[in-house]
Amino acid sequence: MTRAQLIKLIGDTLTKMDVLRGSLLPNDPNRKTLDAARKELDRLQLKLSKELFDDNTAAFKKASQQLESINDDLKQTIKDLKKIVDTLDNINRFIGAVDGIVKAVLP
């Protein structure tokens, strides 16, 4: 995965989160959790897009492979409202992996 692919993957996930948010009532506790997660992921994407970093390091490659695996899990749940708990768990794992990339590539 390259830096550009990473930023696009995060953006695609933010879009999927927006679609899911639209399916939940504003006062739904899951919506509030999703809103907070979306804000955090957006913050991390912005940080990655503003800074230059080497996407050829072993740490980046390992972390991006982990992120791709989590993204595959997320794809299995995000379109099904009945799996909202699993989706929120996968989103949190996704955010954790992105945060790991940020820590690995940015000082």
PDB file of N, CA and C in Angstrom:
ATOM      1  N   MET A   1       0.851  -1.176   0.000  1.00  0.00           N
ATOM      2  CA  MET A   1       0.000   0.000   0.000  1.00  0.00           C
ATOM      3  C   MET A   1       0.899   1.242   0.000  1.00  0.00           C
ATOM      4  N   THR A   2       0.502   2.217  -0.770  1.00  0.00           N
ATOM      5  CA  THR A   2       1.235   3.481  -0.808  1.00  0.00           C
ATOM      6  C   THR A   2       0.544   4.499   0.099  1.00  0.00           C
ATOM      7  N   ARG A   3       1.199   5.614   0.277  1.00  0.00           N
ATOM      8  CA  ARG A   3       0.623   6.714   1.070  1.00  0.00           C
ATOM      9  C   ARG A   3      -0.720   7.140   0.476  1.00  0.00           C
ATOM     10  N   ALA A   4      -0.775   7.305  -0.842  1.00  0.00           N
ATOM     11  CA  ALA A   4      -2.017   7.720  -1.505  1.00  0.00           C
ATOM     12  C   ALA A   4      -3.116   6.678  -1.335  1.00  0.00           C
ATOM     13  N   GLN A   5      -2.759   5.410  -1.440  1.00  0.00           N
ATOM     14  CA  GLN A   5      -3.751   4.344  -1.258  1.00  0.00           C
ATOM     15  C   GLN A   5      -4.277   4.324   0.178  1.00  0.00           C
ATOM     16  N   LEU A   6      -3.394   4.571   1.124  1.00  0.00           N
ATOM     17  CA  LEU A   6      -3.805   4.629   2.528  1.00  0.00           C
ATOM     18  C   LEU A   6      -4.817   5.753   2.747  1.00  0.00           C
ATOM     19  N   ILE A   7      -4.501   6.924   2.243  1.00  0.00           N
ATOM     20  CA  ILE A   7      -5.394   8.072   2.442  1.00  0.00           C
ATOM     21  C   ILE A   7      -6.738   7.829   1.753  1.00  0.00           C
ATOM     22  N   LYS A   8      -6.712   7.200   0.578  1.00  0.00           N
ATOM     23  CA  LYS A   8      -7.959   6.876  -0.126  1.00  0.00           C
ATOM     24  C   LYS A   8      -8.766   5.835   0.641  1.00  0.00           C
ATOM     25  N   LEU A   9      -8.102   4.806   1.166  1.00  0.00           N
ATOM     26  CA  LEU A   9      -8.790   3.777   1.939  1.00  0.00           C
ATOM     27  C   LEU A   9      -9.493   4.391   3.156  1.00  0.00           C
ATOM     28  N   ILE A  10      -8.813   5.284   3.828  1.00  0.00           N
ATOM     29  CA  ILE A  10      -9.421   5.959   4.979  1.00  0.00           C
ATOM     30  C   ILE A  10     -10.615   6.793   4.522  1.00  0.00           C
ATOM     31  N   GLY A  11     -10.460   7.513   3.422  1.00  0.00           N
ATOM     32  CA  GLY A  11     -11.564   8.314   2.886  1.00  0.00           C
ATOM     33  C   GLY A  11     -12.765   7.461   2.501  1.00  0.00           C
ATOM     34  N   ASP A  12     -12.508   6.312   1.890  1.00  0.00           N
ATOM     35  CA  ASP A  12     -13.598   5.398   1.539  1.00  0.00           C
ATOM     36  C   ASP A  12     -14.322   4.913   2.790  1.00  0.00           C
ATOM     37  N   THR A  13     -13.561   4.660   3.834  1.00  0.00           N
ATOM     38  CA  THR A  13     -14.166   4.213   5.091  1.00  0.00           C
ATOM     39  C   THR A  13     -14.989   5.330   5.716  1.00  0.00           C
ATOM     40  N   LEU A  14     -14.491   6.547   5.658  1.00  0.00           N
ATOM     41  CA  LEU A  14     -15.264   7.686   6.177  1.00  0.00           C
ATOM     42  C   LEU A  14     -16.591   7.815   5.425  1.00  0.00           C
ATOM     43  N   THR A  15     -16.575   7.613   4.118  1.00  0.00           N
ATOM     44  CA  THR A  15     -17.806   7.683   3.324  1.00  0.00           C
ATOM     45  C   THR A  15     -18.778   6.590   3.746  1.00  0.00           C
ATOM     46  N   LYS A  16     -18.280   5.383   3.941  1.00  0.00           N
ATOM     47  CA  LYS A  16     -19.140   4.277   4.385  1.00  0.00           C
ATOM     48  C   LYS A  16     -19.724   4.581   5.765  1.00  0.00           C
ATOM     49  N   MET A  17     -18.926   5.195   6.614  1.00  0.00           N
ATOM     50  CA  MET A  17     -19.412   5.568   7.949  1.00  0.00           C
ATOM     51  C   MET A  17     -20.514   6.623   7.833  1.00  0.00           C
ATOM     52  N   ASP A  18     -20.363   7.553   6.913  1.00  0.00           N
ATOM     53  CA  ASP A  18     -21.390   8.579   6.710  1.00  0.00           C
ATOM     54  C   ASP A  18     -22.708   7.959   6.261  1.00  0.00           C
ATOM     55  N   VAL A  19     -22.625   6.981   5.362  1.00  0.00           N
ATOM     56  CA  VAL A  19     -23.837   6.293   4.896  1.00  0.00           C
ATOM     57  C   VAL A  19     -24.491   5.562   6.071  1.00  0.00           C
ATOM     58  N   LEU A  20     -23.693   4.894   6.869  1.00  0.00           N
ATOM     59  CA  LEU A  20     -24.227   4.187   8.037  1.00  0.00           C
ATOM     60  C   LEU A  20     -24.855   5.163   9.025  1.00  0.00           C
ATOM     61  N   ARG A  21     -24.211   6.299   9.251  1.00  0.00           N
ATOM     62  CA  ARG A  21     -24.757   7.312  10.165  1.00  0.00           C
ATOM     63  C   ARG A  21     -26.145   7.757   9.711  1.00  0.00           C
ATOM     64  N   GLY A  22     -26.330   7.872   8.403  1.00  0.00           N
ATOM     65  CA  GLY A  22     -27.615   8.284   7.862  1.00  0.00           C
ATOM     66  C   GLY A  22     -28.717   7.273   8.103  1.00  0.00           C
ATOM     67  N   SER A  23     -28.341   6.047   8.430  1.00  0.00           N
ATOM     68  CA  SER A  23     -29.319   4.995   8.700  1.00  0.00           C
ATOM     69  C   SER A  23     -29.728   4.934  10.174  1.00  0.00           C
ATOM     70  N   LEU A  24     -29.075   5.729  10.991  1.00  0.00           N
ATOM     71  CA  LEU A  24     -29.346   5.704  12.433  1.00  0.00           C
ATOM     72  C   LEU A  24     -30.001   7.013  12.862  1.00  0.00           C
ATOM     73  N   LEU A  25     -30.915   6.908  13.806  1.00  0.00           N
ATOM     74  CA  LEU A  25     -31.541   8.112  14.347  1.00  0.00           C
ATOM     75  C   LEU A  25     -30.507   8.934  15.111  1.00  0.00           C
ATOM     76  N   PRO A  26     -30.636  10.255  15.094  1.00  0.00           N
ATOM     77  CA  PRO A  26     -29.648  11.108  15.774  1.00  0.00           C
ATOM     78  C   PRO A  26     -29.482  10.814  17.269  1.00  0.00           C
ATOM     79  N   ASN A  27     -30.527  10.337  17.922  1.00  0.00           N
ATOM     80  CA  ASN A  27     -30.427  10.070  19.360  1.00  0.00           C
ATOM     81  C   ASN A  27     -30.029   8.625  19.677  1.00  0.00           C
ATOM     82  N   ASP A  28     -29.767   7.823  18.666  1.00  0.00           N
ATOM     83  CA  ASP A  28     -29.332   6.436  18.862  1.00  0.00           C
ATOM     84  C   ASP A  28     -27.926   6.439  19.465  1.00  0.00           C
ATOM     85  N   PRO A  29     -27.711   5.707  20.560  1.00  0.00           N
ATOM     86  CA  PRO A  29     -26.375   5.671  21.175  1.00  0.00           C
ATOM     87  C   PRO A  29     -25.288   5.193  20.202  1.00  0.00           C
ATOM     88  N   ASN A  30     -25.654   4.284  19.297  1.00  0.00           N
ATOM     89  CA  ASN A  30     -24.685   3.817  18.310  1.00  0.00           C
ATOM     90  C   ASN A  30     -24.285   4.945  17.362  1.00  0.00           C
ATOM     91  N   ARG A  31     -25.208   5.837  17.082  1.00  0.00           N
ATOM     92  CA  ARG A  31     -24.921   6.983  16.211  1.00  0.00           C
ATOM     93  C   ARG A  31     -23.902   7.890  16.895  1.00  0.00           C
ATOM     94  N   LYS A  32     -24.080   8.109  18.182  1.00  0.00           N
ATOM     95  CA  LYS A  32     -23.147   8.958  18.920  1.00  0.00           C
ATOM     96  C   LYS A  32     -21.745   8.335  18.935  1.00  0.00           C
ATOM     97  N   THR A  33     -21.686   7.036  19.116  1.00  0.00           N
ATOM     98  CA  THR A  33     -20.404   6.330  19.088  1.00  0.00           C
ATOM     99  C   THR A  33     -19.771   6.431  17.702  1.00  0.00           C
ATOM    100  N   LEU A  34     -20.589   6.247  16.682  1.00  0.00           N
ATOM    101  CA  LEU A  34     -20.115   6.336  15.307  1.00  0.00           C
ATOM    102  C   LEU A  34     -19.633   7.748  14.971  1.00  0.00           C
ATOM    103  N   ASP A  35     -20.354   8.757  15.445  1.00  0.00           N
ATOM    104  CA  ASP A  35     -19.948  10.149  15.217  1.00  0.00           C
ATOM    105  C   ASP A  35     -18.563  10.426  15.810  1.00  0.00           C
ATOM    106  N   ALA A  36     -18.342   9.938  17.023  1.00  0.00           N
ATOM    107  CA  ALA A  36     -17.051  10.146  17.683  1.00  0.00           C
ATOM    108  C   ALA A  36     -15.938   9.410  16.943  1.00  0.00           C
ATOM    109  N   ALA A  37     -16.225   8.195  16.499  1.00  0.00           N
ATOM    110  CA  ALA A  37     -15.232   7.417  15.763  1.00  0.00           C
ATOM    111  C   ALA A  37     -14.905   8.089  14.433  1.00  0.00           C
ATOM    112  N   ARG A  38     -15.922   8.610  13.772  1.00  0.00           N
ATOM    113  CA  ARG A  38     -15.715   9.277  12.490  1.00  0.00           C
ATOM    114  C   ARG A  38     -14.831  10.511  12.648  1.00  0.00           C
ATOM    115  N   LYS A  39     -15.072  11.250  13.712  1.00  0.00           N
ATOM    116  CA  LYS A  39     -14.286  12.454  13.979  1.00  0.00           C
ATOM    117  C   LYS A  39     -12.811  12.089  14.198  1.00  0.00           C
ATOM    118  N   GLU A  40     -12.563  11.026  14.929  1.00  0.00           N
ATOM    119  CA  GLU A  40     -11.192  10.589  15.205  1.00  0.00           C
ATOM    120  C   GLU A  40     -10.506  10.106  13.920  1.00  0.00           C
ATOM    121  N   LEU A  41     -11.205   9.319  13.115  1.00  0.00           N
ATOM    122  CA  LEU A  41     -10.620   8.821  11.883  1.00  0.00           C
ATOM    123  C   LEU A  41     -10.332   9.977  10.921  1.00  0.00           C
ATOM    124  N   ASP A  42     -11.214  10.939  10.865  1.00  0.00           N
ATOM    125  CA  ASP A  42     -11.004  12.117  10.026  1.00  0.00           C
ATOM    126  C   ASP A  42      -9.756  12.875  10.472  1.00  0.00           C
ATOM    127  N   ARG A  43      -9.569  12.992  11.783  1.00  0.00           N
ATOM    128  CA  ARG A  43      -8.394  13.679  12.335  1.00  0.00           C
ATOM    129  C   ARG A  43      -7.104  12.963  11.921  1.00  0.00           C
ATOM    130  N   LEU A  44      -7.128  11.640  11.992  1.00  0.00           N
ATOM    131  CA  LEU A  44      -5.943  10.868  11.628  1.00  0.00           C
ATOM    132  C   LEU A  44      -5.655  10.972  10.129  1.00  0.00           C
ATOM    133  N   GLN A  45      -6.705  10.928   9.311  1.00  0.00           N
ATOM    134  CA  GLN A  45      -6.511  11.055   7.870  1.00  0.00           C
ATOM    135  C   GLN A  45      -5.893  12.416   7.525  1.00  0.00           C
ATOM    136  N   LEU A  46      -6.389  13.451   8.156  1.00  0.00           N
ATOM    137  CA  LEU A  46      -5.866  14.788   7.911  1.00  0.00           C
ATOM    138  C   LEU A  46      -4.380  14.867   8.285  1.00  0.00           C
ATOM    139  N   LYS A  47      -4.033  14.267   9.403  1.00  0.00           N
ATOM    140  CA  LYS A  47      -2.640  14.259   9.846  1.00  0.00           C
ATOM    141  C   LYS A  47      -1.747  13.549   8.824  1.00  0.00           C
ATOM    142  N   LEU A  48      -2.217  12.404   8.328  1.00  0.00           N
ATOM    143  CA  LEU A  48      -1.439  11.656   7.339  1.00  0.00           C
ATOM    144  C   LEU A  48      -1.340  12.402   6.006  1.00  0.00           C
ATOM    145  N   SER A  49      -2.383  13.107   5.644  1.00  0.00           N
ATOM    146  CA  SER A  49      -2.370  13.797   4.353  1.00  0.00           C
ATOM    147  C   SER A  49      -1.515  15.065   4.373  1.00  0.00           C
ATOM    148  N   LYS A  50      -1.313  15.637   5.536  1.00  0.00           N
ATOM    149  CA  LYS A  50      -0.528  16.872   5.648  1.00  0.00           C
ATOM    150  C   LYS A  50       0.972  16.621   5.701  1.00  0.00           C
ATOM    151  N   GLU A  51       1.364  15.440   6.126  1.00  0.00           N
ATOM    152  CA  GLU A  51       2.776  15.150   6.340  1.00  0.00           C
ATOM    153  C   GLU A  51       3.317  14.200   5.269  1.00  0.00           C
ATOM    154  N   LEU A  52       4.557  14.389   4.911  1.00  0.00           N
ATOM    155  CA  LEU A  52       5.237  13.449   4.034  1.00  0.00           C
ATOM    156  C   LEU A  52       5.877  12.371   4.893  1.00  0.00           C
ATOM    157  N   PHE A  53       5.804  11.139   4.410  1.00  0.00           N
ATOM    158  CA  PHE A  53       6.439  10.051   5.135  1.00  0.00           C
ATOM    159  C   PHE A  53       6.824   8.960   4.154  1.00  0.00           C
ATOM    160  N   ASP A  54       7.718   8.106   4.592  1.00  0.00           N
ATOM    161  CA  ASP A  54       8.230   7.011   3.769  1.00  0.00           C
ATOM    162  C   ASP A  54       7.278   5.821   3.884  1.00  0.00           C
ATOM    163  N   ASP A  55       6.657   5.464   2.774  1.00  0.00           N
ATOM    164  CA  ASP A  55       5.740   4.326   2.804  1.00  0.00           C
ATOM    165  C   ASP A  55       6.429   3.029   2.370  1.00  0.00           C
ATOM    166  N   ASN A  56       7.756   3.039   2.388  1.00  0.00           N
ATOM    167  CA  ASN A  56       8.522   1.835   2.033  1.00  0.00           C
ATOM    168  C   ASN A  56       9.189   1.181   3.234  1.00  0.00           C
ATOM    169  N   THR A  57       8.906   1.672   4.433  1.00  0.00           N
ATOM    170  CA  THR A  57       9.534   1.083   5.615  1.00  0.00           C
ATOM    171  C   THR A  57       8.833  -0.222   5.990  1.00  0.00           C
ATOM    172  N   ALA A  58       9.547  -1.058   6.693  1.00  0.00           N
ATOM    173  CA  ALA A  58       8.973  -2.331   7.153  1.00  0.00           C
ATOM    174  C   ALA A  58       7.809  -2.077   8.103  1.00  0.00           C
ATOM    175  N   ALA A  59       7.942  -1.074   8.961  1.00  0.00           N
ATOM    176  CA  ALA A  59       6.877  -0.768   9.926  1.00  0.00           C
ATOM    177  C   ALA A  59       5.598  -0.344   9.206  1.00  0.00           C
ATOM    178  N   PHE A  60       5.738   0.489   8.171  1.00  0.00           N
ATOM    179  CA  PHE A  60       4.561   0.928   7.413  1.00  0.00           C
ATOM    180  C   PHE A  60       3.926  -0.251   6.697  1.00  0.00           C
ATOM    181  N   LYS A  61       4.737  -1.072   6.057  1.00  0.00           N
ATOM    182  CA  LYS A  61       4.191  -2.209   5.311  1.00  0.00           C
ATOM    183  C   LYS A  61       3.444  -3.173   6.230  1.00  0.00           C
ATOM    184  N   LYS A  62       4.012  -3.443   7.383  1.00  0.00           N
ATOM    185  CA  LYS A  62       3.369  -4.354   8.332  1.00  0.00           C
ATOM    186  C   LYS A  62       2.050  -3.754   8.827  1.00  0.00           C
ATOM    187  N   ALA A  63       2.075  -2.484   9.202  1.00  0.00           N
ATOM    188  CA  ALA A  63       0.871  -1.828   9.719  1.00  0.00           C
ATOM    189  C   ALA A  63      -0.199  -1.710   8.634  1.00  0.00           C
ATOM    190  N   SER A  64       0.199  -1.445   7.392  1.00  0.00           N
ATOM    191  CA  SER A  64      -0.796  -1.310   6.330  1.00  0.00           C
ATOM    192  C   SER A  64      -1.407  -2.660   5.969  1.00  0.00           C
ATOM    193  N   GLN A  65      -0.636  -3.740   6.082  1.00  0.00           N
ATOM    194  CA  GLN A  65      -1.201  -5.077   5.861  1.00  0.00           C
ATOM    195  C   GLN A  65      -2.239  -5.399   6.926  1.00  0.00           C
ATOM    196  N   GLN A  66      -1.953  -5.027   8.160  1.00  0.00           N
ATOM    197  CA  GLN A  66      -2.907  -5.233   9.254  1.00  0.00           C
ATOM    198  C   GLN A  66      -4.175  -4.427   8.977  1.00  0.00           C
ATOM    199  N   LEU A  67      -4.013  -3.193   8.516  1.00  0.00           N
ATOM    200  CA  LEU A  67      -5.158  -2.338   8.212  1.00  0.00           C
ATOM    201  C   LEU A  67      -6.010  -2.950   7.097  1.00  0.00           C
ATOM    202  N   GLU A  68      -5.376  -3.487   6.072  1.00  0.00           N
ATOM    203  CA  GLU A  68      -6.119  -4.113   4.978  1.00  0.00           C
ATOM    204  C   GLU A  68      -6.940  -5.294   5.475  1.00  0.00           C
ATOM    205  N   SER A  69      -6.384  -6.070   6.385  1.00  0.00           N
ATOM    206  CA  SER A  69      -7.105  -7.202   6.957  1.00  0.00           C
ATOM    207  C   SER A  69      -8.320  -6.734   7.754  1.00  0.00           C
ATOM    208  N   ILE A  70      -8.133  -5.701   8.556  1.00  0.00           N
ATOM    209  CA  ILE A  70      -9.245  -5.139   9.330  1.00  0.00           C
ATOM    210  C   ILE A  70     -10.292  -4.555   8.392  1.00  0.00           C
ATOM    211  N   ASN A  71      -9.855  -3.913   7.323  1.00  0.00           N
ATOM    212  CA  ASN A  71     -10.790  -3.355   6.354  1.00  0.00           C
ATOM    213  C   ASN A  71     -11.639  -4.459   5.725  1.00  0.00           C
ATOM    214  N   ASP A  72     -11.045  -5.612   5.463  1.00  0.00           N
ATOM    215  CA  ASP A  72     -11.816  -6.748   4.935  1.00  0.00           C
ATOM    216  C   ASP A  72     -12.908  -7.160   5.922  1.00  0.00           C
ATOM    217  N   ASP A  73     -12.576  -7.191   7.216  1.00  0.00           N
ATOM    218  CA  ASP A  73     -13.576  -7.510   8.245  1.00  0.00           C
ATOM    219  C   ASP A  73     -14.682  -6.462   8.265  1.00  0.00           C
ATOM    220  N   LEU A  74     -14.297  -5.202   8.154  1.00  0.00           N
ATOM    221  CA  LEU A  74     -15.255  -4.105   8.189  1.00  0.00           C
ATOM    222  C   LEU A  74     -16.223  -4.185   7.014  1.00  0.00           C
ATOM    223  N   LYS A  75     -15.724  -4.537   5.856  1.00  0.00           N
ATOM    224  CA  LYS A  75     -16.581  -4.667   4.670  1.00  0.00           C
ATOM    225  C   LYS A  75     -17.686  -5.698   4.881  1.00  0.00           C
ATOM    226  N   GLN A  76     -17.413  -6.696   5.713  1.00  0.00           N
ATOM    227  CA  GLN A  76     -18.386  -7.764   5.958  1.00  0.00           C
ATOM    228  C   GLN A  76     -19.541  -7.323   6.852  1.00  0.00           C
ATOM    229  N   THR A  77     -19.363  -6.230   7.595  1.00  0.00           N
ATOM    230  CA  THR A  77     -20.388  -5.844   8.567  1.00  0.00           C
ATOM    231  C   THR A  77     -21.016  -4.471   8.330  1.00  0.00           C
ATOM    232  N   ILE A  78     -20.327  -3.568   7.674  1.00  0.00           N
ATOM    233  CA  ILE A  78     -20.742  -2.164   7.664  1.00  0.00           C
ATOM    234  C   ILE A  78     -22.073  -1.914   6.946  1.00  0.00           C
ATOM    235  N   LYS A  79     -22.473  -2.768   6.039  1.00  0.00           N
ATOM    236  CA  LYS A  79     -23.714  -2.546   5.289  1.00  0.00           C
ATOM    237  C   LYS A  79     -24.940  -3.170   5.959  1.00  0.00           C
ATOM    238  N   ASP A  80     -24.733  -3.841   7.076  1.00  0.00           N
ATOM    239  CA  ASP A  80     -25.830  -4.544   7.740  1.00  0.00           C
ATOM    240  C   ASP A  80     -26.083  -3.935   9.124  1.00  0.00           C
ATOM    241  N   LEU A  81     -27.206  -3.215   9.249  1.00  0.00           N
ATOM    242  CA  LEU A  81     -27.525  -2.572  10.532  1.00  0.00           C
ATOM    243  C   LEU A  81     -27.648  -3.580  11.668  1.00  0.00           C
ATOM    244  N   LYS A  82     -27.983  -4.811  11.358  1.00  0.00           N
ATOM    245  CA  LYS A  82     -28.099  -5.834  12.402  1.00  0.00           C
ATOM    246  C   LYS A  82     -26.732  -6.176  13.001  1.00  0.00           C
ATOM    247  N   LYS A  83     -25.680  -5.800  12.303  1.00  0.00           N
ATOM    248  CA  LYS A  83     -24.326  -6.084  12.774  1.00  0.00           C
ATOM    249  C   LYS A  83     -23.629  -4.821  13.275  1.00  0.00           C
ATOM    250  N   ILE A  84     -24.399  -3.869  13.793  1.00  0.00           N
ATOM    251  CA  ILE A  84     -23.841  -2.581  14.200  1.00  0.00           C
ATOM    252  C   ILE A  84     -22.771  -2.728  15.282  1.00  0.00           C
ATOM    253  N   VAL A  85     -22.971  -3.654  16.208  1.00  0.00           N
ATOM    254  CA  VAL A  85     -21.982  -3.839  17.277  1.00  0.00           C
ATOM    255  C   VAL A  85     -20.660  -4.338  16.682  1.00  0.00           C
ATOM    256  N   ASP A  86     -20.747  -5.309  15.770  1.00  0.00           N
ATOM    257  CA  ASP A  86     -19.543  -5.809  15.105  1.00  0.00           C
ATOM    258  C   ASP A  86     -18.903  -4.709  14.269  1.00  0.00           C
ATOM    259  N   THR A  87     -19.727  -3.918  13.599  1.00  0.00           N
ATOM    260  CA  THR A  87     -19.220  -2.822  12.777  1.00  0.00           C
ATOM    261  C   THR A  87     -18.471  -1.810  13.628  1.00  0.00           C
ATOM    262  N   LEU A  88     -19.046  -1.426  14.756  1.00  0.00           N
ATOM    263  CA  LEU A  88     -18.372  -0.459  15.636  1.00  0.00           C
ATOM    264  C   LEU A  88     -17.055  -1.027  16.156  1.00  0.00           C
ATOM    265  N   ASP A  89     -17.040  -2.320  16.460  1.00  0.00           N
ATOM    266  CA  ASP A  89     -15.798  -2.964  16.895  1.00  0.00           C
ATOM    267  C   ASP A  89     -14.764  -2.923  15.775  1.00  0.00           C
ATOM    268  N   ASN A  90     -15.183  -3.234  14.558  1.00  0.00           N
ATOM    269  CA  ASN A  90     -14.260  -3.203  13.421  1.00  0.00           C
ATOM    270  C   ASN A  90     -13.781  -1.785  13.133  1.00  0.00           C
ATOM    271  N   ILE A  91     -14.658  -0.804  13.274  1.00  0.00           N
ATOM    272  CA  ILE A  91     -14.253   0.593  13.082  1.00  0.00           C
ATOM    273  C   ILE A  91     -13.205   0.978  14.118  1.00  0.00           C
ATOM    274  N   ASN A  92     -13.403   0.578  15.346  1.00  0.00           N
ATOM    275  CA  ASN A  92     -12.421   0.889  16.393  1.00  0.00           C
ATOM    276  C   ASN A  92     -11.083   0.198  16.122  1.00  0.00           C
ATOM    277  N   ARG A  93     -11.127  -1.028  15.616  1.00  0.00           N
ATOM    278  CA  ARG A  93      -9.897  -1.729  15.235  1.00  0.00           C
ATOM    279  C   ARG A  93      -9.222  -1.002  14.073  1.00  0.00           C
ATOM    280  N   PHE A  94     -10.024  -0.540  13.117  1.00  0.00           N
ATOM    281  CA  PHE A  94      -9.515   0.200  11.964  1.00  0.00           C
ATOM    282  C   PHE A  94      -8.819   1.478  12.431  1.00  0.00           C
ATOM    283  N   ILE A  95      -9.475   2.211  13.315  1.00  0.00           N
ATOM    284  CA  ILE A  95      -8.888   3.448  13.848  1.00  0.00           C
ATOM    285  C   ILE A  95      -7.595   3.144  14.602  1.00  0.00           C
ATOM    286  N   GLY A  96      -7.593   2.081  15.375  1.00  0.00           N
ATOM    287  CA  GLY A  96      -6.383   1.688  16.098  1.00  0.00           C
ATOM    288  C   GLY A  96      -5.237   1.375  15.150  1.00  0.00           C
ATOM    289  N   ALA A  97      -5.543   0.716  14.036  1.00  0.00           N
ATOM    290  CA  ALA A  97      -4.509   0.398  13.054  1.00  0.00           C
ATOM    291  C   ALA A  97      -3.998   1.662  12.375  1.00  0.00           C
ATOM    292  N   VAL A  98      -4.894   2.583  12.033  1.00  0.00           N
ATOM    293  CA  VAL A  98      -4.469   3.848  11.427  1.00  0.00           C
ATOM    294  C   VAL A  98      -3.606   4.628  12.420  1.00  0.00           C
ATOM    295  N   ASP A  99      -4.009   4.650  13.671  1.00  0.00           N
ATOM    296  CA  ASP A  99      -3.214   5.324  14.693  1.00  0.00           C
ATOM    297  C   ASP A  99      -1.826   4.683  14.798  1.00  0.00           C
ATOM    298  N   GLY A 100      -1.772   3.370  14.668  1.00  0.00           N
ATOM    299  CA  GLY A 100      -0.479   2.681  14.681  1.00  0.00           C
ATOM    300  C   GLY A 100       0.400   3.099  13.510  1.00  0.00           C
ATOM    301  N   ILE A 101      -0.220   3.297  12.352  1.00  0.00           N
ATOM    302  CA  ILE A 101       0.537   3.776  11.190  1.00  0.00           C
ATOM    303  C   ILE A 101       1.058   5.181  11.434  1.00  0.00           C
ATOM    304  N   VAL A 102       0.191   6.038  11.968  1.00  0.00           N
ATOM    305  CA  VAL A 102       0.616   7.411  12.267  1.00  0.00           C
ATOM    306  C   VAL A 102       1.821   7.392  13.198  1.00  0.00           C
ATOM    307  N   LYS A 103       1.756   6.593  14.227  1.00  0.00           N
ATOM    308  CA  LYS A 103       2.859   6.528  15.185  1.00  0.00           C
ATOM    309  C   LYS A 103       4.115   5.931  14.576  1.00  0.00           C
ATOM    310  N   ALA A 104       3.943   5.025  13.602  1.00  0.00           N
ATOM    311  CA  ALA A 104       5.101   4.381  12.978  1.00  0.00           C
ATOM    312  C   ALA A 104       5.812   5.294  11.971  1.00  0.00           C
ATOM    313  N   VAL A 105       5.048   6.168  11.318  1.00  0.00           N
ATOM    314  CA  VAL A 105       5.653   6.934  10.225  1.00  0.00           C
ATOM    315  C   VAL A 105       5.867   8.420  10.514  1.00  0.00           C
ATOM    316  N   LEU A 106       5.188   8.935  11.505  1.00  0.00           N
ATOM    317  CA  LEU A 106       5.324  10.367  11.813  1.00  0.00           C
ATOM    318  C   LEU A 106       5.980  10.546  13.170  1.00  0.00           C
ATOM    319  N   PRO A 107       6.943  11.461  13.239  1.00  0.00           N
ATOM    320  CA  PRO A 107       7.646  11.670  14.514  1.00  0.00           C
ATOM    321  C   PRO A 107       6.768  12.326  15.565  1.00  0.00           C
TER     322      PRO A 107
END
